N, C-alpha and C. Protein backbone atom coordinates (compact mmCIF):
# COMPACT_ATOMS: atom_id res chain seq x y z
N MET A 1 -20.64 -5.72 29.23
CA MET A 1 -20.80 -6.58 28.08
C MET A 1 -21.10 -5.73 26.84
N ARG A 2 -20.45 -6.03 25.77
CA ARG A 2 -20.61 -5.29 24.51
C ARG A 2 -21.59 -6.01 23.60
N GLU A 3 -22.51 -5.23 23.02
CA GLU A 3 -23.46 -5.77 22.05
C GLU A 3 -23.40 -4.91 20.80
N ASN A 4 -23.20 -5.54 19.64
CA ASN A 4 -23.18 -4.83 18.36
C ASN A 4 -24.54 -4.99 17.68
N TYR A 5 -24.97 -3.92 17.01
CA TYR A 5 -26.23 -3.91 16.28
C TYR A 5 -25.96 -3.45 14.84
N PRO A 6 -25.72 -4.39 13.94
CA PRO A 6 -25.42 -4.03 12.55
C PRO A 6 -26.67 -3.60 11.81
N SER A 7 -26.46 -2.82 10.76
CA SER A 7 -27.59 -2.42 9.91
C SER A 7 -27.76 -3.38 8.74
N GLY A 8 -26.72 -4.15 8.46
CA GLY A 8 -26.77 -5.06 7.31
C GLY A 8 -26.27 -4.42 6.03
N GLY A 9 -25.83 -3.17 6.11
CA GLY A 9 -25.32 -2.48 4.93
C GLY A 9 -24.00 -3.07 4.46
N ASP A 10 -23.77 -3.04 3.16
CA ASP A 10 -22.55 -3.59 2.57
C ASP A 10 -21.29 -2.93 3.10
N PHE A 11 -21.35 -1.63 3.38
CA PHE A 11 -20.15 -0.90 3.78
C PHE A 11 -19.68 -1.29 5.18
N GLU A 12 -20.56 -1.88 5.98
CA GLU A 12 -20.14 -2.29 7.32
C GLU A 12 -18.99 -3.29 7.27
N ASP A 13 -19.07 -4.25 6.37
CA ASP A 13 -17.98 -5.24 6.26
C ASP A 13 -16.73 -4.63 5.65
N VAL A 14 -16.91 -3.74 4.68
CA VAL A 14 -15.78 -3.09 4.03
C VAL A 14 -15.01 -2.23 5.04
N TYR A 15 -15.74 -1.46 5.84
CA TYR A 15 -15.13 -0.50 6.76
C TYR A 15 -14.86 -1.10 8.13
N GLY A 16 -15.60 -2.17 8.48
CA GLY A 16 -15.41 -2.81 9.78
C GLY A 16 -16.11 -2.08 10.92
N TYR A 17 -17.39 -1.79 10.74
CA TYR A 17 -18.16 -1.11 11.78
C TYR A 17 -19.57 -1.67 11.82
N CYS A 18 -20.37 -1.20 12.78
CA CYS A 18 -21.79 -1.54 12.80
C CYS A 18 -22.59 -0.28 13.14
N ARG A 19 -23.89 -0.34 12.93
CA ARG A 19 -24.75 0.84 13.13
C ARG A 19 -24.70 1.34 14.56
N ALA A 20 -24.79 0.42 15.53
CA ALA A 20 -24.80 0.84 16.94
C ALA A 20 -24.06 -0.17 17.80
N VAL A 21 -23.53 0.33 18.91
CA VAL A 21 -22.85 -0.50 19.90
C VAL A 21 -23.39 -0.10 21.27
N ARG A 22 -23.74 -1.13 22.05
CA ARG A 22 -24.15 -0.89 23.42
C ARG A 22 -23.15 -1.55 24.36
N VAL A 23 -22.66 -0.76 25.32
CA VAL A 23 -21.79 -1.26 26.38
C VAL A 23 -22.41 -0.79 27.68
N GLY A 24 -22.98 -1.73 28.40
CA GLY A 24 -23.68 -1.35 29.63
C GLY A 24 -24.85 -0.44 29.32
N ASP A 25 -24.86 0.72 29.95
CA ASP A 25 -25.95 1.68 29.76
C ASP A 25 -25.68 2.66 28.62
N HIS A 26 -24.52 2.56 27.99
CA HIS A 26 -24.13 3.50 26.94
C HIS A 26 -24.40 2.92 25.55
N ILE A 27 -25.04 3.71 24.71
CA ILE A 27 -25.32 3.29 23.34
C ILE A 27 -24.77 4.35 22.40
N HIS A 28 -23.94 3.93 21.46
CA HIS A 28 -23.37 4.82 20.46
C HIS A 28 -23.92 4.43 19.10
N VAL A 29 -24.48 5.40 18.40
CA VAL A 29 -25.00 5.14 17.05
C VAL A 29 -24.09 5.85 16.06
N ALA A 30 -23.59 5.09 15.10
CA ALA A 30 -22.65 5.60 14.10
C ALA A 30 -23.26 6.72 13.28
N GLY A 31 -22.39 7.48 12.63
CA GLY A 31 -22.86 8.50 11.70
C GLY A 31 -23.84 7.87 10.73
N THR A 32 -25.00 8.50 10.60
CA THR A 32 -26.11 7.92 9.85
C THR A 32 -26.61 8.91 8.82
N CYS A 33 -26.77 8.42 7.59
CA CYS A 33 -27.29 9.24 6.49
C CYS A 33 -28.58 8.60 5.98
N ALA A 34 -29.33 9.39 5.24
CA ALA A 34 -30.53 8.87 4.60
C ALA A 34 -30.15 7.84 3.55
N ARG A 35 -31.06 6.93 3.28
CA ARG A 35 -30.84 5.93 2.23
C ARG A 35 -31.44 6.40 0.91
N ALA A 36 -32.60 7.07 1.00
CA ALA A 36 -33.25 7.61 -0.20
C ALA A 36 -32.66 9.00 -0.45
N LEU A 37 -31.90 9.13 -1.52
CA LEU A 37 -31.15 10.37 -1.74
C LEU A 37 -31.62 11.18 -2.94
N ASP A 38 -32.03 10.54 -4.01
CA ASP A 38 -32.37 11.26 -5.23
C ASP A 38 -33.56 12.19 -5.01
N GLY A 39 -33.33 13.47 -5.29
CA GLY A 39 -34.40 14.45 -5.21
C GLY A 39 -34.83 14.83 -3.80
N THR A 40 -34.02 14.50 -2.79
CA THR A 40 -34.41 14.82 -1.42
C THR A 40 -33.65 16.05 -0.92
N ASP A 41 -34.33 16.86 -0.13
CA ASP A 41 -33.68 18.02 0.47
C ASP A 41 -33.05 17.62 1.80
N THR A 42 -32.34 18.54 2.40
CA THR A 42 -31.61 18.25 3.63
C THR A 42 -32.56 17.93 4.78
N TYR A 43 -33.68 18.62 4.87
CA TYR A 43 -34.65 18.31 5.93
C TYR A 43 -35.11 16.86 5.81
N THR A 44 -35.47 16.43 4.62
CA THR A 44 -35.95 15.06 4.40
C THR A 44 -34.86 14.06 4.73
N GLN A 45 -33.62 14.36 4.32
CA GLN A 45 -32.51 13.47 4.64
C GLN A 45 -32.28 13.40 6.15
N ALA A 46 -32.36 14.53 6.83
CA ALA A 46 -32.18 14.54 8.28
C ALA A 46 -33.27 13.74 8.97
N LYS A 47 -34.52 13.89 8.53
CA LYS A 47 -35.63 13.13 9.11
C LYS A 47 -35.40 11.63 8.95
N GLU A 48 -34.96 11.21 7.77
CA GLU A 48 -34.73 9.79 7.54
C GLU A 48 -33.56 9.29 8.38
N ALA A 49 -32.48 10.06 8.44
CA ALA A 49 -31.33 9.66 9.26
C ALA A 49 -31.75 9.51 10.72
N LEU A 50 -32.54 10.43 11.22
CA LEU A 50 -33.01 10.36 12.60
C LEU A 50 -33.93 9.17 12.82
N SER A 51 -34.71 8.83 11.82
CA SER A 51 -35.58 7.65 11.92
C SER A 51 -34.75 6.37 12.00
N ILE A 52 -33.67 6.30 11.22
CA ILE A 52 -32.77 5.15 11.27
C ILE A 52 -32.10 5.07 12.64
N ILE A 53 -31.69 6.22 13.16
CA ILE A 53 -31.08 6.28 14.50
C ILE A 53 -32.08 5.79 15.55
N GLU A 54 -33.31 6.25 15.45
CA GLU A 54 -34.33 5.83 16.42
C GLU A 54 -34.51 4.31 16.38
N ALA A 55 -34.55 3.74 15.19
CA ALA A 55 -34.70 2.28 15.06
C ALA A 55 -33.51 1.56 15.68
N ALA A 56 -32.30 2.08 15.47
CA ALA A 56 -31.10 1.46 16.05
C ALA A 56 -31.14 1.54 17.57
N LEU A 57 -31.56 2.67 18.10
CA LEU A 57 -31.68 2.82 19.55
C LEU A 57 -32.69 1.83 20.11
N GLU A 58 -33.83 1.71 19.43
CA GLU A 58 -34.86 0.79 19.90
C GLU A 58 -34.37 -0.66 19.86
N GLU A 59 -33.63 -1.01 18.81
CA GLU A 59 -33.07 -2.36 18.72
C GLU A 59 -32.12 -2.63 19.89
N ALA A 60 -31.44 -1.58 20.35
CA ALA A 60 -30.52 -1.70 21.48
C ALA A 60 -31.22 -1.52 22.82
N GLY A 61 -32.55 -1.46 22.81
CA GLY A 61 -33.31 -1.35 24.06
C GLY A 61 -33.40 0.05 24.61
N SER A 62 -33.35 1.05 23.74
CA SER A 62 -33.36 2.44 24.18
C SER A 62 -34.31 3.24 23.29
N GLY A 63 -34.11 4.54 23.27
CA GLY A 63 -34.93 5.40 22.43
C GLY A 63 -34.44 6.84 22.49
N PRO A 64 -35.09 7.72 21.75
CA PRO A 64 -34.65 9.12 21.69
C PRO A 64 -34.57 9.82 23.05
N ALA A 65 -35.41 9.44 23.99
CA ALA A 65 -35.41 10.10 25.30
C ALA A 65 -34.11 9.90 26.06
N ALA A 66 -33.33 8.88 25.71
CA ALA A 66 -32.07 8.60 26.40
C ALA A 66 -30.87 9.28 25.73
N VAL A 67 -31.09 9.96 24.61
CA VAL A 67 -29.99 10.58 23.88
C VAL A 67 -29.45 11.78 24.66
N VAL A 68 -28.14 11.79 24.86
CA VAL A 68 -27.49 12.87 25.59
C VAL A 68 -26.62 13.75 24.70
N ARG A 69 -26.29 13.27 23.49
CA ARG A 69 -25.44 14.04 22.59
C ARG A 69 -25.69 13.63 21.15
N THR A 70 -25.72 14.63 20.27
CA THR A 70 -25.74 14.38 18.84
C THR A 70 -24.64 15.20 18.18
N VAL A 71 -24.12 14.66 17.10
CA VAL A 71 -23.16 15.39 16.26
C VAL A 71 -23.70 15.31 14.84
N THR A 72 -23.84 16.46 14.22
CA THR A 72 -24.40 16.53 12.87
C THR A 72 -23.39 17.17 11.94
N TYR A 73 -23.21 16.53 10.79
CA TYR A 73 -22.32 17.01 9.75
C TYR A 73 -23.17 17.39 8.55
N VAL A 74 -23.00 18.62 8.05
CA VAL A 74 -23.71 19.06 6.86
C VAL A 74 -22.70 19.51 5.81
N THR A 75 -23.07 19.35 4.55
CA THR A 75 -22.18 19.79 3.48
C THR A 75 -22.39 21.26 3.13
N ASP A 76 -23.45 21.85 3.67
CA ASP A 76 -23.73 23.28 3.46
C ASP A 76 -24.32 23.84 4.73
N ILE A 77 -23.56 24.67 5.43
CA ILE A 77 -24.02 25.23 6.71
C ILE A 77 -25.29 26.05 6.52
N GLY A 78 -25.56 26.46 5.30
CA GLY A 78 -26.81 27.17 5.01
C GLY A 78 -28.04 26.31 5.23
N ASP A 79 -27.85 24.98 5.33
CA ASP A 79 -28.96 24.06 5.58
C ASP A 79 -29.22 23.85 7.07
N ARG A 80 -28.54 24.61 7.92
CA ARG A 80 -28.62 24.39 9.36
C ARG A 80 -30.04 24.48 9.91
N LEU A 81 -30.87 25.37 9.38
CA LEU A 81 -32.23 25.49 9.91
C LEU A 81 -33.09 24.30 9.53
N GLU A 82 -32.85 23.72 8.35
CA GLU A 82 -33.57 22.51 7.95
C GLU A 82 -33.21 21.36 8.89
N VAL A 83 -31.93 21.21 9.17
CA VAL A 83 -31.47 20.16 10.07
C VAL A 83 -31.97 20.43 11.49
N ALA A 84 -31.91 21.67 11.92
CA ALA A 84 -32.38 22.02 13.26
C ALA A 84 -33.86 21.70 13.43
N ARG A 85 -34.66 21.93 12.41
CA ARG A 85 -36.10 21.62 12.49
C ARG A 85 -36.31 20.13 12.68
N ALA A 86 -35.62 19.30 11.90
CA ALA A 86 -35.75 17.85 12.04
C ALA A 86 -35.26 17.40 13.41
N HIS A 87 -34.14 17.95 13.86
CA HIS A 87 -33.56 17.60 15.16
C HIS A 87 -34.53 17.97 16.28
N ALA A 88 -35.10 19.16 16.22
CA ALA A 88 -36.03 19.61 17.26
C ALA A 88 -37.30 18.77 17.28
N GLU A 89 -37.73 18.30 16.12
CA GLU A 89 -38.93 17.45 16.08
C GLU A 89 -38.71 16.15 16.85
N MET A 90 -37.50 15.63 16.82
CA MET A 90 -37.23 14.39 17.56
C MET A 90 -36.79 14.66 19.00
N PHE A 91 -35.98 15.69 19.21
CA PHE A 91 -35.34 15.89 20.50
C PHE A 91 -35.75 17.17 21.22
N GLY A 92 -36.81 17.84 20.77
CA GLY A 92 -37.21 19.12 21.36
C GLY A 92 -37.40 19.08 22.86
N ASP A 93 -37.98 18.00 23.38
CA ASP A 93 -38.20 17.87 24.82
C ASP A 93 -37.01 17.24 25.53
N VAL A 94 -36.17 16.54 24.79
CA VAL A 94 -35.02 15.84 25.37
C VAL A 94 -33.86 16.81 25.56
N ARG A 95 -33.61 17.62 24.55
CA ARG A 95 -32.55 18.63 24.54
C ARG A 95 -31.16 18.09 24.84
N PRO A 96 -30.68 17.14 24.02
CA PRO A 96 -29.30 16.68 24.21
C PRO A 96 -28.32 17.78 23.82
N VAL A 97 -27.10 17.67 24.31
CA VAL A 97 -26.07 18.57 23.79
C VAL A 97 -25.91 18.23 22.32
N ALA A 98 -25.58 19.24 21.51
CA ALA A 98 -25.54 19.00 20.07
C ALA A 98 -24.45 19.83 19.43
N THR A 99 -23.82 19.24 18.43
CA THR A 99 -22.81 19.92 17.64
C THR A 99 -23.22 19.84 16.18
N LEU A 100 -23.06 20.94 15.46
CA LEU A 100 -23.36 21.00 14.03
C LEU A 100 -22.12 21.54 13.32
N VAL A 101 -21.60 20.76 12.37
CA VAL A 101 -20.36 21.10 11.71
C VAL A 101 -20.53 20.99 10.20
N GLU A 102 -19.96 21.95 9.47
CA GLU A 102 -19.93 21.84 8.02
C GLU A 102 -18.69 21.06 7.60
N VAL A 103 -18.90 20.12 6.68
CA VAL A 103 -17.80 19.32 6.14
C VAL A 103 -17.77 19.50 4.62
N ARG A 104 -16.64 19.19 4.04
CA ARG A 104 -16.49 19.36 2.60
C ARG A 104 -17.33 18.37 1.79
N ALA A 105 -17.41 17.13 2.27
CA ALA A 105 -18.14 16.11 1.52
C ALA A 105 -18.49 14.95 2.44
N LEU A 106 -19.49 14.18 2.02
CA LEU A 106 -19.84 12.92 2.67
C LEU A 106 -19.55 11.79 1.66
N VAL A 107 -19.81 10.56 2.01
CA VAL A 107 -19.44 9.41 1.19
C VAL A 107 -20.05 9.46 -0.21
N ASP A 108 -21.29 9.88 -0.30
CA ASP A 108 -22.00 9.98 -1.58
C ASP A 108 -22.28 11.46 -1.83
N PRO A 109 -21.98 11.99 -2.99
CA PRO A 109 -22.17 13.42 -3.24
C PRO A 109 -23.63 13.88 -3.11
N ARG A 110 -24.58 12.97 -3.15
CA ARG A 110 -25.99 13.34 -2.96
C ARG A 110 -26.34 13.52 -1.50
N MET A 111 -25.50 13.03 -0.61
CA MET A 111 -25.73 13.15 0.83
C MET A 111 -25.41 14.57 1.28
N THR A 112 -26.33 15.14 2.07
CA THR A 112 -26.12 16.50 2.57
C THR A 112 -26.01 16.56 4.09
N VAL A 113 -26.35 15.46 4.78
CA VAL A 113 -26.32 15.47 6.25
C VAL A 113 -26.03 14.06 6.77
N GLU A 114 -25.25 14.02 7.84
CA GLU A 114 -24.95 12.78 8.56
C GLU A 114 -25.05 13.08 10.05
N ILE A 115 -25.69 12.18 10.81
CA ILE A 115 -25.94 12.43 12.23
C ILE A 115 -25.47 11.25 13.06
N GLU A 116 -24.77 11.53 14.15
CA GLU A 116 -24.38 10.54 15.16
C GLU A 116 -25.20 10.79 16.42
N ALA A 117 -25.42 9.75 17.22
CA ALA A 117 -26.13 9.93 18.48
C ALA A 117 -25.50 9.07 19.56
N TYR A 118 -25.53 9.58 20.77
CA TYR A 118 -25.01 8.89 21.95
C TYR A 118 -26.11 8.91 23.01
N ALA A 119 -26.42 7.75 23.55
CA ALA A 119 -27.49 7.64 24.55
C ALA A 119 -26.95 6.96 25.80
N ILE A 120 -27.56 7.29 26.93
CA ILE A 120 -27.25 6.64 28.20
C ILE A 120 -28.58 6.28 28.85
N GLU A 121 -28.76 4.99 29.11
CA GLU A 121 -29.95 4.52 29.81
C GLU A 121 -29.69 4.62 31.31
N THR A 122 -30.62 5.23 32.03
CA THR A 122 -30.45 5.35 33.48
C THR A 122 -31.59 4.68 34.21
């Protein structure tokens, strides 16, 4: 059975997606960016994105401990240690497989990081 968990953001209807989808024991959380962007560094944006992901997982009946994979997109690979610090603070004991990729741009030029997460409840 498929369950959708929307964030309520305007872009969800425009693009046709939702924040998270649960199918059985699998939960996929869409690429997530911080909402507060002005004057924030990449670490702060990563922390907020991870907090939004955690809330989506909890809404779907899960949590960070069930995460098996993350994919992180940064606009400057030089920010990798800031993102790694935020990631380790949430997943240090979980240790999901993780990918970190530099991209040319995100939807808003103030965005510096976007994170996806995949969880499996066992």
